């Protein structure tokens, strides 16, 4: 029983220690860059945001960049 309380206490402490109010600036920055490139119809800039081995899953099908 003590073990369960200790695990619960550790989980509560670790959850409390995480600061959820931190700004998600890197994510917002990437989104803004993506939207800007997309709206300018700049395919090279949009593709530069993806990893070399990225696979795009969409309603149209699966797309992968194979060289």
PDB file of N, CA and C in Angstrom:
ATOM      1  N   UNK A   1       0.821  -1.188   0.000  1.00  0.00           N
ATOM      2  CA  UNK A   1       0.000   0.000   0.000  1.00  0.00           C
ATOM      3  C   UNK A   1       0.868   1.256   0.000  1.00  0.00           C
ATOM      4  N   UNK A   2       1.930   1.210   0.765  1.00  0.00           N
ATOM      5  CA  UNK A   2       2.844   2.348   0.827  1.00  0.00           C
ATOM      6  C   UNK A   2       3.489   2.564  -0.539  1.00  0.00           C
ATOM      7  N   UNK A   3       3.754   1.482  -1.215  1.00  0.00           N
ATOM      8  CA  UNK A   3       4.381   1.556  -2.529  1.00  0.00           C
ATOM      9  C   UNK A   3       3.477   2.290  -3.529  1.00  0.00           C
ATOM     10  N   UNK A   4       2.185   2.007  -3.484  1.00  0.00           N
ATOM     11  CA  UNK A   4       1.226   2.670  -4.372  1.00  0.00           C
ATOM     12  C   UNK A   4       1.171   4.170  -4.095  1.00  0.00           C
ATOM     13  N   UNK A   5       1.173   4.533  -2.804  1.00  0.00           N
ATOM     14  CA  UNK A   5       1.138   5.946  -2.438  1.00  0.00           C
ATOM     15  C   UNK A   5       2.421   6.655  -2.874  1.00  0.00           C
ATOM     16  N   UNK A   6       3.534   5.972  -2.750  1.00  0.00           N
ATOM     17  CA  UNK A   6       4.807   6.560  -3.158  1.00  0.00           C
ATOM     18  C   UNK A   6       4.826   6.800  -4.671  1.00  0.00           C
ATOM     19  N   UNK A   7       4.359   5.839  -5.440  1.00  0.00           N
ATOM     20  CA  UNK A   7       4.293   6.000  -6.894  1.00  0.00           C
ATOM     21  C   UNK A   7       3.343   7.136  -7.253  1.00  0.00           C
ATOM     22  N   UNK A   8       2.189   7.199  -6.591  1.00  0.00           N
ATOM     23  CA  UNK A   8       1.235   8.272  -6.829  1.00  0.00           C
ATOM     24  C   UNK A   8       1.841   9.634  -6.490  1.00  0.00           C
ATOM     25  N   UNK A   9       2.544   9.712  -5.402  1.00  0.00           N
ATOM     26  CA  UNK A   9       3.193  10.958  -4.992  1.00  0.00           C
ATOM     27  C   UNK A   9       4.249  11.388  -6.004  1.00  0.00           C
ATOM     28  N   UNK A  10       5.012  10.442  -6.506  1.00  0.00           N
ATOM     29  CA  UNK A  10       6.034  10.755  -7.517  1.00  0.00           C
ATOM     30  C   UNK A  10       5.378  11.247  -8.794  1.00  0.00           C
ATOM     31  N   UNK A  11       4.301  10.594  -9.224  1.00  0.00           N
ATOM     32  CA  UNK A  11       3.594  11.035 -10.428  1.00  0.00           C
ATOM     33  C   UNK A  11       3.009  12.436 -10.267  1.00  0.00           C
ATOM     34  N   UNK A  12       2.435  12.706  -9.109  1.00  0.00           N
ATOM     35  CA  UNK A  12       1.868  14.037  -8.860  1.00  0.00           C
ATOM     36  C   UNK A  12       2.977  15.082  -8.843  1.00  0.00           C
ATOM     37  N   UNK A  13       4.092  14.771  -8.203  1.00  0.00           N
ATOM     38  CA  UNK A  13       5.201  15.716  -8.134  1.00  0.00           C
ATOM     39  C   UNK A  13       5.788  15.984  -9.513  1.00  0.00           C
ATOM     40  N   UNK A  14       5.933  14.950 -10.329  1.00  0.00           N
ATOM     41  CA  UNK A  14       6.492  15.157 -11.659  1.00  0.00           C
ATOM     42  C   UNK A  14       5.529  15.932 -12.554  1.00  0.00           C
ATOM     43  N   UNK A  15       4.238  15.689 -12.406  1.00  0.00           N
ATOM     44  CA  UNK A  15       3.242  16.440 -13.173  1.00  0.00           C
ATOM     45  C   UNK A  15       3.225  17.900 -12.739  1.00  0.00           C
ATOM     46  N   UNK A  16       3.311  18.136 -11.466  1.00  0.00           N
ATOM     47  CA  UNK A  16       3.304  19.496 -10.942  1.00  0.00           C
ATOM     48  C   UNK A  16       4.564  20.248 -11.358  1.00  0.00           C
ATOM     49  N   UNK A  17       5.675  19.528 -11.454  1.00  0.00           N
ATOM     50  CA  UNK A  17       6.946  20.157 -11.801  1.00  0.00           C
ATOM     51  C   UNK A  17       6.996  20.612 -13.258  1.00  0.00           C
ATOM     52  N   UNK A  18       6.221  19.971 -14.107  1.00  0.00           N
ATOM     53  CA  UNK A  18       6.193  20.369 -15.508  1.00  0.00           C
ATOM     54  C   UNK A  18       5.423  21.665 -15.638  1.00  0.00           C
ATOM     55  N   UNK A  19       6.040  22.628 -16.311  1.00  0.00           N
ATOM     56  CA  UNK A  19       5.401  23.924 -16.478  1.00  0.00           C
ATOM     57  C   UNK A  19       4.653  23.946 -17.798  1.00  0.00           C
ATOM     58  N   UNK A  20       3.341  23.806 -17.743  1.00  0.00           N
ATOM     59  CA  UNK A  20       2.538  23.774 -18.961  1.00  0.00           C
ATOM     60  C   UNK A  20       2.329  25.161 -19.545  1.00  0.00           C
ATOM     61  N   UNK A  21       2.759  26.190 -18.822  1.00  0.00           N
ATOM     62  CA  UNK A  21       2.568  27.546 -19.321  1.00  0.00           C
ATOM     63  C   UNK A  21       3.723  28.004 -20.213  1.00  0.00           C
ATOM     64  N   UNK A  22       4.679  27.126 -20.462  1.00  0.00           N
ATOM     65  CA  UNK A  22       5.789  27.488 -21.336  1.00  0.00           C
ATOM     66  C   UNK A  22       5.275  27.722 -22.748  1.00  0.00           C
ATOM     67  N   UNK A  23       5.737  28.764 -23.386  1.00  0.00           N
ATOM     68  CA  UNK A  23       5.271  29.017 -24.756  1.00  0.00           C
ATOM     69  C   UNK A  23       5.785  27.942 -25.711  1.00  0.00           C
ATOM     70  N   UNK A  24       4.981  27.628 -26.662  1.00  0.00           N
ATOM     71  CA  UNK A  24       5.357  26.623 -27.644  1.00  0.00           C
ATOM     72  C   UNK A  24       5.887  27.338 -28.882  1.00  0.00           C
ATOM     73  N   UNK A  25       6.860  28.184 -28.669  1.00  0.00           N
ATOM     74  CA  UNK A  25       7.376  29.021 -29.738  1.00  0.00           C
ATOM     75  C   UNK A  25       7.979  28.261 -30.903  1.00  0.00           C
ATOM     76  N   UNK A  26       8.791  27.223 -30.683  1.00  0.00           N
ATOM     77  CA  UNK A  26       9.335  26.517 -31.851  1.00  0.00           C
ATOM     78  C   UNK A  26       8.235  25.953 -32.745  1.00  0.00           C
ATOM     79  N   UNK A  27       7.191  25.413 -32.148  1.00  0.00           N
ATOM     80  CA  UNK A  27       6.089  24.871 -32.926  1.00  0.00           C
ATOM     81  C   UNK A  27       5.369  25.982 -33.668  1.00  0.00           C
ATOM     82  N   UNK A  28       5.114  27.080 -32.986  1.00  0.00           N
ATOM     83  CA  UNK A  28       4.442  28.205 -33.633  1.00  0.00           C
ATOM     84  C   UNK A  28       5.293  28.786 -34.747  1.00  0.00           C
ATOM     85  N   UNK A  29       6.596  28.859 -34.530  1.00  0.00           N
ATOM     86  CA  UNK A  29       7.489  29.395 -35.543  1.00  0.00           C
ATOM     87  C   UNK A  29       7.473  28.526 -36.800  1.00  0.00           C
ATOM     88  N   UNK A  30       7.546  27.221 -36.620  1.00  0.00           N
ATOM     89  CA  UNK A  30       7.520  26.310 -37.768  1.00  0.00           C
ATOM     90  C   UNK A  30       6.192  26.416 -38.501  1.00  0.00           C
ATOM     91  N   UNK A  31       5.102  26.512 -37.747  1.00  0.00           N
ATOM     92  CA  UNK A  31       3.789  26.648 -38.380  1.00  0.00           C
ATOM     93  C   UNK A  31       3.692  27.931 -39.194  1.00  0.00           C
ATOM     94  N   UNK A  32       4.197  29.017 -38.641  1.00  0.00           N
ATOM     95  CA  UNK A  32       4.150  30.299 -39.357  1.00  0.00           C
ATOM     96  C   UNK A  32       4.999  30.259 -40.625  1.00  0.00           C
ATOM     97  N   UNK A  33       6.184  29.652 -40.539  1.00  0.00           N
ATOM     98  CA  UNK A  33       7.049  29.531 -41.716  1.00  0.00           C
ATOM     99  C   UNK A  33       6.371  28.667 -42.771  1.00  0.00           C
ATOM    100  N   UNK A  34       5.756  27.580 -42.333  1.00  0.00           N
ATOM    101  CA  UNK A  34       5.054  26.689 -43.260  1.00  0.00           C
ATOM    102  C   UNK A  34       3.909  27.431 -43.955  1.00  0.00           C
ATOM    103  N   UNK A  35       3.075  28.118 -43.166  1.00  0.00           N
ATOM    104  CA  UNK A  35       1.942  28.832 -43.751  1.00  0.00           C
ATOM    105  C   UNK A  35       2.392  29.923 -44.721  1.00  0.00           C
ATOM    106  N   UNK A  36       3.450  30.621 -44.364  1.00  0.00           N
ATOM    107  CA  UNK A  36       3.967  31.671 -45.247  1.00  0.00           C
ATOM    108  C   UNK A  36       4.448  31.070 -46.567  1.00  0.00           C
ATOM    109  N   UNK A  37       5.215  29.997 -46.488  1.00  0.00           N
ATOM    110  CA  UNK A  37       5.722  29.351 -47.704  1.00  0.00           C
ATOM    111  C   UNK A  37       4.576  28.767 -48.523  1.00  0.00           C
ATOM    112  N   UNK A  38       3.610  28.173 -47.847  1.00  0.00           N
ATOM    113  CA  UNK A  38       2.464  27.569 -48.540  1.00  0.00           C
ATOM    114  C   UNK A  38       1.652  28.645 -49.263  1.00  0.00           C
ATOM    115  N   UNK A  39       1.402  29.748 -48.591  1.00  0.00           N
ATOM    116  CA  UNK A  39       0.616  30.820 -49.201  1.00  0.00           C
ATOM    117  C   UNK A  39       1.341  31.487 -50.360  1.00  0.00           C
ATOM    118  N   UNK A  40       2.676  31.445 -50.350  1.00  0.00           N
ATOM    119  CA  UNK A  40       3.450  31.985 -51.471  1.00  0.00           C
ATOM    120  C   UNK A  40       3.632  30.953 -52.584  1.00  0.00           C
ATOM    121  N   UNK A  41       3.070  29.762 -52.402  1.00  0.00           N
ATOM    122  CA  UNK A  41       3.209  28.655 -53.357  1.00  0.00           C
ATOM    123  C   UNK A  41       4.678  28.295 -53.572  1.00  0.00           C
ATOM    124  N   UNK A  42       5.453  28.370 -52.494  1.00  0.00           N
ATOM    125  CA  UNK A  42       6.881  28.064 -52.541  1.00  0.00           C
ATOM    126  C   UNK A  42       7.082  26.615 -52.077  1.00  0.00           C
ATOM    127  N   UNK A  43       7.014  25.693 -53.024  1.00  0.00           N
ATOM    128  CA  UNK A  43       7.104  24.271 -52.692  1.00  0.00           C
ATOM    129  C   UNK A  43       8.462  23.904 -52.099  1.00  0.00           C
ATOM    130  N   UNK A  44       9.531  24.530 -52.579  1.00  0.00           N
ATOM    131  CA  UNK A  44      10.857  24.220 -52.038  1.00  0.00           C
ATOM    132  C   UNK A  44      10.957  24.584 -50.561  1.00  0.00           C
ATOM    133  N   UNK A  45      10.396  25.721 -50.181  1.00  0.00           N
ATOM    134  CA  UNK A  45      10.435  26.134 -48.777  1.00  0.00           C
ATOM    135  C   UNK A  45       9.577  25.221 -47.912  1.00  0.00           C
ATOM    136  N   UNK A  46       8.443  24.775 -48.439  1.00  0.00           N
ATOM    137  CA  UNK A  46       7.594  23.857 -47.689  1.00  0.00           C
ATOM    138  C   UNK A  46       8.308  22.526 -47.505  1.00  0.00           C
ATOM    139  N   UNK A  47       8.885  22.000 -48.563  1.00  0.00           N
ATOM    140  CA  UNK A  47       9.585  20.712 -48.478  1.00  0.00           C
ATOM    141  C   UNK A  47      10.821  20.776 -47.596  1.00  0.00           C
ATOM    142  N   UNK A  48      11.427  21.950 -47.473  1.00  0.00           N
ATOM    143  CA  UNK A  48      12.609  22.092 -46.614  1.00  0.00           C
ATOM    144  C   UNK A  48      12.267  21.866 -45.146  1.00  0.00           C
ATOM    145  N   UNK A  49      11.007  21.988 -44.782  1.00  0.00           N
ATOM    146  CA  UNK A  49      10.590  21.777 -43.392  1.00  0.00           C
ATOM    147  C   UNK A  49      10.408  20.304 -43.039  1.00  0.00           C
ATOM    148  N   UNK A  50      10.424  19.441 -44.038  1.00  0.00           N
ATOM    149  CA  UNK A  50      10.237  18.005 -43.813  1.00  0.00           C
ATOM    150  C   UNK A  50      11.583  17.293 -43.751  1.00  0.00           C
ATOM    151  N   UNK A  51      11.616  16.187 -43.042  1.00  0.00           N
ATOM    152  CA  UNK A  51      12.813  15.343 -42.991  1.00  0.00           C
ATOM    153  C   UNK A  51      12.996  14.665 -44.342  1.00  0.00           C
ATOM    154  N   UNK A  52      14.229  14.264 -44.629  1.00  0.00           N
ATOM    155  CA  UNK A  52      14.524  13.617 -45.905  1.00  0.00           C
ATOM    156  C   UNK A  52      13.745  12.321 -46.107  1.00  0.00           C
ATOM    157  N   UNK A  53      13.441  11.620 -45.015  1.00  0.00           N
ATOM    158  CA  UNK A  53      12.742  10.343 -45.133  1.00  0.00           C
ATOM    159  C   UNK A  53      11.263  10.454 -44.728  1.00  0.00           C
ATOM    160  N   UNK A  54      10.707  11.656 -44.828  1.00  0.00           N
ATOM    161  CA  UNK A  54       9.315  11.869 -44.430  1.00  0.00           C
ATOM    162  C   UNK A  54       8.361  11.163 -45.386  1.00  0.00           C
ATOM    163  N   UNK A  55       7.252  10.709 -44.836  1.00  0.00           N
ATOM    164  CA  UNK A  55       6.188  10.086 -45.615  1.00  0.00           C
ATOM    165  C   UNK A  55       4.915  10.870 -45.323  1.00  0.00           C
ATOM    166  N   UNK A  56       4.266  11.351 -46.361  1.00  0.00           N
ATOM    167  CA  UNK A  56       3.043  12.134 -46.215  1.00  0.00           C
ATOM    168  C   UNK A  56       1.844  11.226 -46.414  1.00  0.00           C
ATOM    169  N   UNK A  57       0.985  11.162 -45.400  1.00  0.00           N
ATOM    170  CA  UNK A  57      -0.242  10.385 -45.477  1.00  0.00           C
ATOM    171  C   UNK A  57      -1.392  11.368 -45.669  1.00  0.00           C
ATOM    172  N   UNK A  58      -2.142  11.206 -46.736  1.00  0.00           N
ATOM    173  CA  UNK A  58      -3.276  12.095 -46.989  1.00  0.00           C
ATOM    174  C   UNK A  58      -4.405  11.296 -47.611  1.00  0.00           C
ATOM    175  N   UNK A  59      -5.517  11.976 -47.859  1.00  0.00           N
ATOM    176  CA  UNK A  59      -6.656  11.314 -48.482  1.00  0.00           C
ATOM    177  C   UNK A  59      -6.328  10.860 -49.900  1.00  0.00           C
ATOM    178  N   UNK A  60      -5.391  11.541 -50.548  1.00  0.00           N
ATOM    179  CA  UNK A  60      -5.019  11.208 -51.919  1.00  0.00           C
ATOM    180  C   UNK A  60      -4.102   9.982 -51.986  1.00  0.00           C
ATOM    181  N   UNK A  61      -3.534   9.598 -50.868  1.00  0.00           N
ATOM    182  CA  UNK A  61      -2.652   8.438 -50.853  1.00  0.00           C
ATOM    183  C   UNK A  61      -1.404   8.681 -50.030  1.00  0.00           C
ATOM    184  N   UNK A  62      -0.440   7.810 -50.192  1.00  0.00           N
ATOM    185  CA  UNK A  62       0.824   7.877 -49.456  1.00  0.00           C
ATOM    186  C   UNK A  62       1.894   8.380 -50.414  1.00  0.00           C
ATOM    187  N   UNK A  63       2.604   9.396 -49.986  1.00  0.00           N
ATOM    188  CA  UNK A  63       3.665   9.966 -50.790  1.00  0.00           C
ATOM    189  C   UNK A  63       4.979   9.891 -50.028  1.00  0.00           C
ATOM    190  N   UNK A  64       5.996   9.409 -50.664  1.00  0.00           N
ATOM    191  CA  UNK A  64       7.320   9.425 -50.062  1.00  0.00           C
ATOM    192  C   UNK A  64       8.308   9.941 -51.089  1.00  0.00           C
ATOM    193  N   UNK A  65       9.335  10.539 -50.588  1.00  0.00           N
ATOM    194  CA  UNK A  65      10.343  11.138 -51.461  1.00  0.00           C
ATOM    195  C   UNK A  65      11.445  10.125 -51.694  1.00  0.00           C
ATOM    196  N   UNK A  66      11.428   9.540 -52.852  1.00  0.00           N
ATOM    197  CA  UNK A  66      12.450   8.548 -53.182  1.00  0.00           C
ATOM    198  C   UNK A  66      13.309   9.107 -54.293  1.00  0.00           C
ATOM    199  N   UNK A  67      14.591   9.086 -54.063  1.00  0.00           N
ATOM    200  CA  UNK A  67      15.539   9.641 -55.049  1.00  0.00           C
ATOM    201  C   UNK A  67      16.242   8.513 -55.754  1.00  0.00           C
TER     202      UNK A  67
END
